[in-house]
Amino acid sequence: MTINSAAGALEARIALLAARQCSAFARAQALDLGATDPLVQRRVKVGVWRRPYSGVYAIAGSERTWLQDVWCAFLATGPAAVVTHESALHLHGIDLVPRRPITLTVPHGGRARLDGVFVHQIDDLKPHRVTAVSGLPVSTVERTVVELAATTGEKRLGRVIDDVVAAKRSSVGRISSAFREVARPGKPGVHKLARLLDSRGDGYVPAQSDLERALFVALAAGGLPAPRRQFRLPGRFAVEGLVDAAYPDVRLIVEVDGRRWHTRVADLKRDHQRDTEAARAGWLTLRFVYEQVMHDPSDVCSAIADVRASRAIPSV
């Protein structure tokens, strides 16, 4: 193969990669495809590629769009980055918040400084709350709503929740589930979102026995085995009490919560103490809120079934 044909093949490989990334690519990606730093520098110098950020390039002549800017920001921030907050909401097709600055999240210690980009440092974004949109890692719709509680006014956040639910992109139950995972006293926006979720619930807080009964009906309908009811909290009994349901065969606790959100937030410390006590004895606790049990029972059953299956597999 001649030098010219080899260079052409390299250009074609890079163009193919860039086509999947809104005409953008990273220096490391180009090097993996066979480019060299001198070649990259020459392409920039002659105007074949432009460089929006250090180590990030876009094909010259390609249309500069907001999505291309998001891709460039993501590539410049690094593989641990996730598109979150306002930018994630736009990628999910809801245009109720500003498009700029572009918003990303990285774990603590991984912050990058980029013009036109705000990079949050957050450690509670779990893999199951990340999805792919336009090839980018993006926080899920319900997680995005939770993120916006820290950066968006209450009135606008309420409109976001209403639009998300009306468009059937998520539900109050799924948003509540994502909120439950990260809510803690002192976390920015937690009381704001608690008020909004309370106001969009049914307005009815059932007796705990009624909610537990709804859980057991859902489990039976979902084909799951009947759990042990009112099981004693496992552990060293630094925290005493009973749990709503338990599967001793896989050391799994299931708790349901009919409290309004403002009360749940106030009681989170106690809940965490109970969960920690059980975990010290090797038990995992799954917590579900009223909105999930009543409006998303299939999701509740699916989660319990998946966890039961994973914990039933003997360790190697």
Protein backbone atom coordinates (compact mmCIF):
# COMPACT_ATOMS: atom_id res chain seq x y z
CA MET A 1 0.00 0.00 0.00
CA THR A 2 1.39 3.41 -0.94
CA ILE A 3 1.81 6.25 1.54
CA ASN A 4 -1.05 8.15 -0.03
CA SER A 5 -3.38 5.17 0.03
CA ALA A 6 -2.46 4.43 3.66
CA ALA A 7 -3.19 8.04 4.60
CA GLY A 8 -6.50 7.87 2.75
CA ALA A 9 -7.47 4.69 4.57
CA LEU A 10 -6.62 6.35 7.89
CA GLU A 11 -8.71 9.40 7.00
CA ALA A 12 -11.60 7.09 6.12
CA ARG A 13 -11.37 5.26 9.46
CA ILE A 14 -11.35 8.52 11.39
CA ALA A 15 -14.23 9.91 9.32
CA LEU A 16 -16.26 6.76 10.02
CA LEU A 17 -15.61 7.10 13.75
CA ALA A 18 -16.47 10.82 13.70
CA ALA A 19 -19.70 10.13 11.82
CA ARG A 20 -20.93 8.20 14.86
CA GLN A 21 -19.97 11.09 17.16
CA CYS A 22 -21.54 14.07 15.40
CA SER A 23 -18.32 14.65 13.38
CA ALA A 24 -16.16 14.85 16.52
CA PHE A 25 -13.37 12.64 17.83
CA ALA A 26 -10.66 12.63 20.46
CA ARG A 27 -6.90 12.59 19.95
CA ALA A 28 -6.67 9.23 21.77
CA GLN A 29 -9.24 7.75 19.38
CA ALA A 30 -7.31 8.97 16.35
CA LEU A 31 -4.06 7.54 17.70
CA ASP A 32 -5.79 4.18 18.32
CA LEU A 33 -6.76 4.16 14.63
CA GLY A 34 -3.18 4.70 13.53
CA ALA A 35 -2.74 8.47 13.48
CA THR A 36 0.34 10.20 14.89
CA ASP A 37 0.63 13.50 16.70
CA PRO A 38 2.49 15.15 13.76
CA LEU A 39 -0.27 14.02 11.40
CA VAL A 40 -2.96 15.42 13.73
CA GLN A 41 -1.10 18.74 13.95
CA ARG A 42 -0.81 18.94 10.15
CA ARG A 43 -4.51 18.25 9.65
CA VAL A 44 -5.38 21.05 12.06
CA LYS A 45 -2.87 23.43 10.48
CA VAL A 46 -4.23 22.96 6.95
CA GLY A 47 -7.82 23.21 8.15
CA VAL A 48 -8.97 19.64 7.58
CA TRP A 49 -9.83 19.33 11.27
CA ARG A 50 -10.65 22.03 13.81
CA ARG A 51 -9.85 21.84 17.52
CA PRO A 52 -12.66 23.01 19.86
CA TYR A 53 -10.81 21.77 22.96
CA SER A 54 -7.34 20.45 23.65
CA GLY A 55 -7.24 16.86 22.45
CA VAL A 56 -10.64 17.05 20.73
CA TYR A 57 -11.27 17.63 17.02
CA ALA A 58 -14.17 18.06 14.63
CA ILE A 59 -14.25 17.52 10.89
CA ALA A 60 -13.89 20.92 9.20
CA GLY A 61 -16.98 21.90 7.24
CA SER A 62 -19.32 19.85 9.41
CA GLU A 63 -22.25 21.77 10.80
CA ARG A 64 -21.60 22.99 14.31
CA THR A 65 -24.67 22.07 16.33
CA TRP A 66 -25.53 21.92 20.01
CA LEU A 67 -25.25 18.12 19.87
CA GLN A 68 -21.78 18.36 18.34
CA ASP A 69 -20.78 20.74 21.15
CA VAL A 70 -22.05 18.18 23.68
CA TRP A 71 -19.98 15.47 22.02
CA CYS A 72 -16.88 17.68 22.07
CA ALA A 73 -17.40 18.52 25.74
CA PHE A 74 -17.89 14.84 26.60
CA LEU A 75 -14.75 13.78 24.72
CA ALA A 76 -12.73 16.55 26.37
CA THR A 77 -13.95 15.64 29.86
CA GLY A 78 -13.09 11.96 29.61
CA PRO A 79 -14.70 8.51 29.54
CA ALA A 80 -15.96 8.76 33.13
CA ALA A 81 -18.21 11.71 32.20
CA VAL A 82 -21.99 11.45 31.86
CA VAL A 83 -24.31 14.04 30.31
CA THR A 84 -26.63 15.14 33.12
CA HIS A 85 -28.92 17.88 34.44
CA GLU A 86 -30.13 20.40 31.85
CA SER A 87 -28.25 18.85 28.92
CA ALA A 88 -29.64 15.41 29.70
CA LEU A 89 -33.18 16.79 29.76
CA HIS A 90 -32.71 18.23 26.26
CA LEU A 91 -31.34 14.93 25.00
CA HIS A 92 -34.48 13.28 26.38
CA GLY A 93 -36.51 15.66 24.22
CA ILE A 94 -37.81 18.15 26.81
CA ASP A 95 -36.91 21.80 26.23
CA LEU A 96 -37.92 23.50 29.47
CA VAL A 97 -34.46 24.46 30.73
CA PRO A 98 -31.57 26.42 29.18
CA ARG A 99 -29.40 24.56 26.66
CA ARG A 100 -26.21 26.21 27.87
CA PRO A 101 -23.91 25.78 29.59
CA ILE A 102 -23.55 22.14 28.64
CA THR A 103 -23.77 20.06 31.81
CA LEU A 104 -21.78 16.93 32.60
CA THR A 105 -21.07 14.93 35.73
CA VAL A 106 -17.86 13.18 36.78
CA PRO A 107 -16.83 11.48 40.03
CA HIS A 108 -15.07 13.66 42.58
CA GLY A 109 -11.53 14.47 41.56
CA GLY A 110 -12.20 14.29 37.83
CA ARG A 111 -13.26 17.84 37.10
CA ALA A 112 -12.30 19.47 33.81
CA ARG A 113 -12.38 23.21 33.04
CA LEU A 114 -13.90 23.88 29.65
CA ASP A 115 -15.40 27.01 28.15
CA GLY A 116 -19.18 26.81 27.95
CA VAL A 117 -19.34 23.65 30.05
CA PHE A 118 -20.29 23.07 33.69
CA VAL A 119 -18.92 19.86 35.17
CA HIS A 120 -20.57 18.59 38.35
CA GLN A 121 -18.65 16.33 40.71
CA ILE A 122 -21.09 13.75 42.07
CA ASP A 123 -20.42 10.23 43.34
CA ASP A 124 -23.98 8.88 43.65
CA LEU A 125 -24.72 8.39 39.93
CA LYS A 126 -25.01 4.61 39.64
CA PRO A 127 -24.67 2.62 36.39
CA HIS A 128 -28.36 1.64 36.31
CA ARG A 129 -29.25 5.35 36.23
CA VAL A 130 -27.28 5.91 33.01
CA THR A 131 -28.60 5.21 29.52
CA ALA A 132 -27.43 5.91 25.95
CA VAL A 133 -28.89 8.75 23.88
CA SER A 134 -27.38 9.66 20.50
CA GLY A 135 -24.42 7.47 21.43
CA LEU A 136 -23.69 9.45 24.60
CA PRO A 137 -23.93 8.23 28.20
CA VAL A 138 -26.83 10.20 29.67
CA SER A 139 -28.60 10.08 33.03
CA THR A 140 -32.01 8.41 32.78
CA VAL A 141 -35.12 10.58 32.67
CA GLU A 142 -36.05 10.01 36.31
CA ARG A 143 -32.49 10.57 37.49
CA THR A 144 -32.35 13.77 35.42
CA VAL A 145 -35.41 15.10 37.26
CA VAL A 146 -33.69 14.40 40.58
CA GLU A 147 -30.54 16.18 39.38
CA LEU A 148 -32.51 19.24 38.29
CA ALA A 149 -33.87 19.67 41.81
CA ALA A 150 -30.47 21.14 42.75
CA THR A 151 -30.25 23.60 39.84
CA THR A 152 -33.82 24.52 38.82
CA GLY A 153 -36.52 26.63 40.46
CA GLU A 154 -39.51 24.89 41.99
CA LYS A 155 -42.05 26.14 39.45
CA ARG A 156 -39.98 25.07 36.46
CA LEU A 157 -39.08 21.76 38.07
CA GLY A 158 -42.78 21.10 38.54
CA ARG A 159 -43.36 21.72 34.83
CA VAL A 160 -40.54 19.32 34.02
CA ILE A 161 -42.13 16.57 36.13
CA ASP A 162 -45.52 17.18 34.53
CA ASP A 163 -44.07 17.08 31.00
CA VAL A 164 -42.08 13.93 31.70
CA VAL A 165 -45.15 12.14 33.07
CA ALA A 166 -47.52 13.46 30.37
CA ALA A 167 -45.12 12.30 27.64
CA LYS A 168 -44.94 8.88 29.36
CA ARG A 169 -41.18 9.18 29.56
CA SER A 170 -41.33 8.25 33.23
CA SER A 171 -43.76 8.24 36.14
CA VAL A 172 -44.03 9.73 39.59
CA GLY A 173 -43.24 6.26 40.94
CA ARG A 174 -40.00 5.90 38.99
CA ILE A 175 -38.94 9.45 39.82
CA SER A 176 -39.64 8.66 43.48
CA SER A 177 -37.50 5.54 43.23
CA ALA A 178 -34.55 7.49 41.81
CA PHE A 179 -35.03 10.17 44.47
CA ARG A 180 -35.12 7.58 47.26
CA GLU A 181 -31.68 6.31 46.25
CA VAL A 182 -29.92 9.64 46.80
CA ALA A 183 -32.14 11.74 49.08
CA ARG A 184 -30.55 12.81 52.32
CA PRO A 185 -30.95 15.80 54.61
CA GLY A 186 -28.78 18.65 53.38
CA LYS A 187 -28.62 17.52 49.76
CA PRO A 188 -29.41 20.52 47.51
CA GLY A 189 -33.00 20.54 46.26
CA VAL A 190 -34.17 17.60 48.36
CA HIS A 191 -37.00 19.43 50.15
CA LYS A 192 -38.11 21.13 46.93
CA LEU A 193 -38.49 17.83 45.11
CA ALA A 194 -40.14 16.26 48.16
CA ARG A 195 -42.84 18.94 48.07
CA LEU A 196 -43.41 18.49 44.35
CA LEU A 197 -43.67 14.71 44.59
CA ASP A 198 -46.05 15.00 47.52
CA SER A 199 -48.28 17.37 45.58
CA ARG A 200 -48.35 15.01 42.57
CA GLY A 201 -49.20 11.91 44.55
CA ASP A 202 -52.67 10.69 45.22
CA GLY A 203 -52.90 12.74 48.38
CA TYR A 204 -53.68 9.52 50.23
CA VAL A 205 -51.29 7.94 52.67
CA PRO A 206 -52.55 4.42 53.40
CA ALA A 207 -52.16 2.58 56.65
CA GLN A 208 -48.95 0.60 56.53
CA SER A 209 -50.89 -2.67 56.64
CA ASP A 210 -52.88 -1.63 53.55
CA LEU A 211 -49.72 -0.83 51.64
CA GLU A 212 -48.11 -4.09 52.71
CA ARG A 213 -51.24 -5.93 51.56
CA ALA A 214 -50.93 -4.25 48.15
CA LEU A 215 -47.29 -5.40 48.00
CA PHE A 216 -48.19 -9.03 48.76
CA VAL A 217 -50.96 -8.98 46.14
CA ALA A 218 -48.48 -7.61 43.57
CA LEU A 219 -45.88 -10.25 44.45
CA ALA A 220 -48.42 -13.05 44.06
CA ALA A 221 -49.66 -11.66 40.76
CA GLY A 222 -46.05 -11.41 39.58
CA GLY A 223 -45.43 -15.10 40.32
CA LEU A 224 -42.99 -14.49 43.17
CA PRO A 225 -42.92 -16.70 46.26
CA ALA A 226 -44.63 -15.35 49.35
CA PRO A 227 -42.17 -13.61 51.67
CA ARG A 228 -42.10 -13.88 55.45
CA ARG A 229 -44.18 -11.05 56.90
CA GLN A 230 -43.23 -8.86 59.88
CA PHE A 231 -39.81 -10.48 60.08
CA ARG A 232 -37.44 -9.47 62.86
CA LEU A 233 -34.75 -7.04 61.69
CA PRO A 234 -31.56 -9.08 61.22
CA GLY A 235 -28.32 -7.86 62.74
CA ARG A 236 -26.76 -7.24 66.10
CA PHE A 237 -29.87 -5.45 67.27
CA ALA A 238 -28.28 -2.05 67.76
CA VAL A 239 -31.48 -1.09 65.95
CA GLU A 240 -34.45 -3.23 66.89
CA GLY A 241 -37.71 -3.70 65.06
CA LEU A 242 -39.59 -5.65 62.42
CA VAL A 243 -39.30 -5.46 58.63
CA ASP A 244 -42.30 -5.59 56.33
CA ALA A 245 -41.25 -8.68 54.40
CA ALA A 246 -38.22 -10.93 54.07
CA TYR A 247 -36.87 -13.77 51.95
CA PRO A 248 -34.54 -15.59 54.37
CA ASP A 249 -33.40 -18.00 51.65
CA VAL A 250 -31.53 -15.17 49.89
CA ARG A 251 -31.20 -12.78 52.85
CA LEU A 252 -33.38 -10.14 51.21
CA ILE A 253 -35.53 -7.60 53.05
CA VAL A 254 -38.39 -5.76 51.35
CA GLU A 255 -39.70 -2.57 52.96
CA VAL A 256 -42.59 -0.39 51.73
CA ASP A 257 -43.05 3.24 52.65
CA GLY A 258 -46.38 5.08 52.70
CA ARG A 259 -45.05 8.29 54.25
CA ARG A 260 -45.28 11.61 52.47
CA TRP A 261 -41.94 12.70 51.06
CA HIS A 262 -41.29 15.49 53.56
CA THR A 263 -41.59 12.88 56.33
CA ARG A 264 -39.44 10.36 54.49
CA VAL A 265 -36.61 12.84 54.16
CA ALA A 266 -36.74 13.57 57.89
CA ASP A 267 -36.58 9.83 58.69
CA LEU A 268 -33.85 8.86 56.23
CA LYS A 269 -31.19 8.59 58.93
CA ARG A 270 -33.27 6.02 60.81
CA ASP A 271 -33.91 4.05 57.61
CA HIS A 272 -30.20 4.02 56.78
CA GLN A 273 -29.40 2.77 60.28
CA ARG A 274 -31.83 -0.11 59.85
CA ASP A 275 -30.43 -0.97 56.41
CA THR A 276 -26.86 -0.83 57.70
CA GLU A 277 -27.70 -3.07 60.63
CA ALA A 278 -29.14 -5.67 58.27
CA ALA A 279 -26.18 -5.34 55.87
CA ARG A 280 -23.75 -6.09 58.70
CA ALA A 281 -25.47 -9.46 58.95
CA GLY A 282 -25.29 -10.01 55.18
CA TRP A 283 -28.84 -8.93 54.30
CA LEU A 284 -29.77 -6.61 51.43
CA THR A 285 -32.70 -4.21 51.80
CA LEU A 286 -34.93 -3.10 48.91
CA ARG A 287 -37.17 -0.13 49.70
CA PHE A 288 -40.22 0.82 47.65
CA VAL A 289 -42.44 3.85 48.06
CA TYR A 290 -46.21 4.10 47.76
CA GLU A 291 -46.06 5.44 44.19
CA GLN A 292 -44.10 2.39 43.03
CA VAL A 293 -46.23 -0.25 44.75
CA MET A 294 -49.51 1.25 43.59
CA HIS A 295 -48.59 2.48 40.11
CA ASP A 296 -45.59 0.40 38.98
CA PRO A 297 -46.10 -3.03 40.62
CA SER A 298 -44.53 -4.83 37.66
CA ASP A 299 -41.30 -2.86 38.17
CA VAL A 300 -41.35 -3.75 41.87
CA CYS A 301 -41.76 -7.44 41.06
CA SER A 302 -39.07 -7.31 38.39
CA ALA A 303 -36.58 -5.72 40.77
CA ILE A 304 -37.27 -8.26 43.51
CA ALA A 305 -37.08 -11.18 41.06
CA ASP A 306 -33.76 -9.96 39.65
CA VAL A 307 -32.22 -9.51 43.09
CA ARG A 308 -33.49 -12.88 44.27
CA ALA A 309 -31.95 -14.52 41.21
CA SER A 310 -28.59 -12.80 41.66
CA ARG A 311 -28.37 -13.60 45.37
CA ALA A 312 -29.38 -17.23 44.79
CA ILE A 313 -26.32 -17.80 42.62
CA PRO A 314 -23.66 -19.45 44.80
CA SER A 315 -20.38 -17.54 45.00
CA VAL A 316 -17.48 -19.12 43.14
